Protein backbone atom coordinates (compact mmCIF):
# COMPACT_ATOMS: atom_id res chain seq x y z
CA MET A 1 11.33 -5.88 -39.50
CA SER A 2 9.58 -7.62 -42.66
CA PHE A 3 6.94 -10.29 -41.12
CA PRO A 4 6.92 -13.71 -43.08
CA LYS A 5 4.39 -14.25 -45.63
CA LYS A 6 3.56 -17.60 -43.80
CA GLY A 7 3.54 -18.92 -40.52
CA LYS A 8 2.98 -17.29 -36.86
CA PHE A 9 6.34 -16.49 -35.78
CA PHE A 10 8.69 -13.51 -35.76
CA PRO A 11 12.14 -13.91 -37.30
CA LYS A 12 14.85 -14.86 -34.89
CA GLU A 13 17.42 -12.64 -36.33
CA ASN A 14 15.66 -9.45 -34.95
CA GLY A 15 13.51 -8.50 -31.94
CA TYR A 16 13.69 -9.39 -28.04
CA ASN A 17 15.52 -12.31 -28.18
CA GLY A 18 18.69 -11.66 -26.85
CA LYS A 19 20.63 -12.09 -30.17
CA GLY A 20 19.04 -9.30 -32.23
CA GLY A 21 19.74 -5.79 -32.62
CA HIS A 22 17.02 -4.64 -29.73
CA GLN A 23 19.05 -6.33 -26.75
CA THR A 24 22.51 -5.30 -25.77
CA ASN A 25 22.71 -7.99 -23.17
CA GLY A 26 22.08 -11.46 -24.01
CA SER A 27 21.02 -12.45 -20.66
CA PHE A 28 18.41 -10.19 -20.46
CA VAL A 29 15.59 -12.60 -21.66
CA GLU A 30 16.88 -15.29 -19.54
CA GLU A 31 17.43 -13.53 -16.12
CA ILE A 32 13.40 -11.91 -16.46
CA ALA A 33 12.61 -15.43 -17.19
CA SER A 34 14.29 -16.81 -14.07
CA ALA A 35 12.58 -13.86 -12.02
CA LEU A 36 9.01 -14.53 -13.51
CA LYS A 37 9.41 -18.09 -12.45
CA ARG A 38 10.52 -17.37 -9.16
CA SER A 39 8.18 -14.91 -8.80
CA LEU A 40 5.00 -16.92 -9.84
CA GLY A 41 6.10 -20.26 -10.80
CA ASP A 42 5.81 -21.94 -14.16
CA SER A 43 2.35 -22.30 -14.18
CA ARG A 44 -0.54 -21.40 -16.46
CA ALA A 45 -1.88 -19.37 -13.63
CA GLY A 46 1.35 -17.10 -13.59
CA VAL A 47 1.05 -16.55 -17.17
CA LYS A 48 -2.64 -15.18 -16.69
CA THR A 49 -1.29 -13.09 -13.86
CA VAL A 50 1.49 -11.54 -15.78
CA ALA A 51 -0.89 -11.06 -18.98
CA GLY A 52 -3.07 -9.05 -16.44
CA TRP A 53 -0.70 -6.94 -14.97
CA THR A 54 1.03 -5.84 -18.46
CA GLY A 55 -2.04 -6.15 -21.11
CA ALA A 56 0.14 -8.09 -22.79
CA ASN A 57 -1.12 -11.12 -24.91
CA GLU A 58 -0.82 -14.88 -23.29
CA LYS A 59 1.56 -15.96 -25.98
CA THR A 60 3.77 -13.00 -25.48
CA VAL A 61 3.77 -13.73 -22.08
CA LYS A 62 4.56 -17.32 -22.46
CA ASN A 63 7.62 -16.33 -24.11
CA TRP A 64 8.61 -14.11 -21.80
CA PHE A 65 8.52 -17.13 -19.44
CA SER A 66 10.31 -19.64 -21.52
CA GLY A 67 13.09 -17.13 -22.33
CA THR A 68 12.52 -17.01 -25.95
CA TYR A 69 11.61 -13.22 -25.71
CA GLY A 70 11.94 -10.52 -23.56
CA PRO A 71 9.46 -7.65 -22.57
CA SER A 72 9.88 -4.36 -24.25
CA GLY A 73 10.09 -1.53 -22.03
CA VAL A 74 6.39 -0.71 -20.94
CA HIS A 75 5.91 -4.08 -19.97
CA LEU A 76 8.95 -4.33 -18.17
CA ILE A 77 7.88 -1.13 -16.02
CA ALA A 78 4.42 -2.84 -15.61
CA LEU A 79 6.55 -6.11 -14.46
CA VAL A 80 8.72 -3.89 -11.86
CA GLN A 81 5.20 -2.59 -10.45
CA HIS A 82 4.03 -5.80 -9.47
CA SER A 83 6.82 -8.14 -8.92
CA ASP A 84 9.66 -7.78 -6.23
CA GLU A 85 11.77 -10.54 -7.78
CA VAL A 86 11.74 -8.70 -11.53
CA LEU A 87 12.62 -5.51 -9.75
CA GLY A 88 15.54 -6.97 -7.88
CA THR A 89 16.62 -8.60 -11.34
CA PHE A 90 16.47 -5.19 -12.97
CA LEU A 91 18.33 -3.41 -10.39
CA ALA A 92 20.97 -6.04 -10.14
CA MET A 93 21.12 -6.17 -13.96
CA ALA A 94 21.76 -2.16 -13.92
CA GLY A 95 24.36 -2.80 -11.36
CA ARG A 96 22.03 -0.99 -8.63
CA GLU A 97 21.55 -3.47 -5.81
CA ASP A 98 22.07 -0.65 -3.11
CA LEU A 99 18.51 0.30 -4.06
CA MET A 100 17.19 -2.82 -3.61
CA VAL A 101 18.76 -3.07 0.15
CA ALA A 102 17.05 0.27 0.62
CA ILE A 103 13.82 -1.03 -0.44
CA LYS A 104 14.31 -3.91 1.70
CA LEU A 105 14.95 -2.33 4.68
CA ALA A 106 11.87 0.59 4.09
CA GLY A 107 9.44 -2.91 3.98
CA ALA A 108 11.27 -4.27 7.08
CA GLU A 109 10.83 -0.89 9.02
CA ASP A 110 7.14 -0.98 7.89
CA ALA A 111 6.80 -4.62 9.13
CA ILE A 112 8.18 -4.00 12.45
CA THR A 113 5.93 -0.68 12.91
CA ASP A 114 2.81 -2.61 12.15
CA LEU A 115 4.23 -5.41 14.75
CA LEU A 116 4.68 -2.90 17.16
CA ASP A 117 1.18 -1.57 16.93
CA ALA A 118 0.09 -5.07 17.46
CA VAL A 119 1.55 -5.59 20.30
CA ARG A 120 0.51 -2.16 22.18
CA ARG A 121 -3.23 -3.01 21.03
CA LEU A 122 -2.74 -6.43 22.98
CA GLY A 123 -2.30 -4.37 26.11
CA CYS A 124 -5.25 -2.44 25.90
CA ALA A 125 -8.60 -3.22 27.33
CA ASP A 126 -10.42 -2.03 24.01
CA PRO A 127 -8.52 -2.97 20.82
CA ASN A 128 -10.40 -0.75 18.85
CA ASP A 129 -8.87 2.45 21.11
CA LYS A 130 -6.31 4.54 19.32
CA VAL A 131 -5.09 6.17 22.17
CA CYS A 132 -3.39 2.94 23.96
């Protein structure tokens, strides 16, 4: 890919815009953009949060939120590590929704265990006593 001699924009015919050679699925960028907006909203704070997670430039992250471009593999991994919405979208695009169900079940099990521990501590005279 050659860069333009003037201007600040990448050529549209190549890159991560869902139309060039790098993307095989045109809806990838739109799906990731939707997942980011559901997860963090469409605000400057969301952009800053994602930039912190990924180490990407804020302008790059704004392009992800707008659906102009999608994240690279390394950035996608960072997004999946921090956002359940992006993880669920990624698994759905890969046809692996069953894995998201397993993740949600594990989270529910942890929440139930925490709730049971809290209920058991209510019946103890000393809430810090681990024996109760």
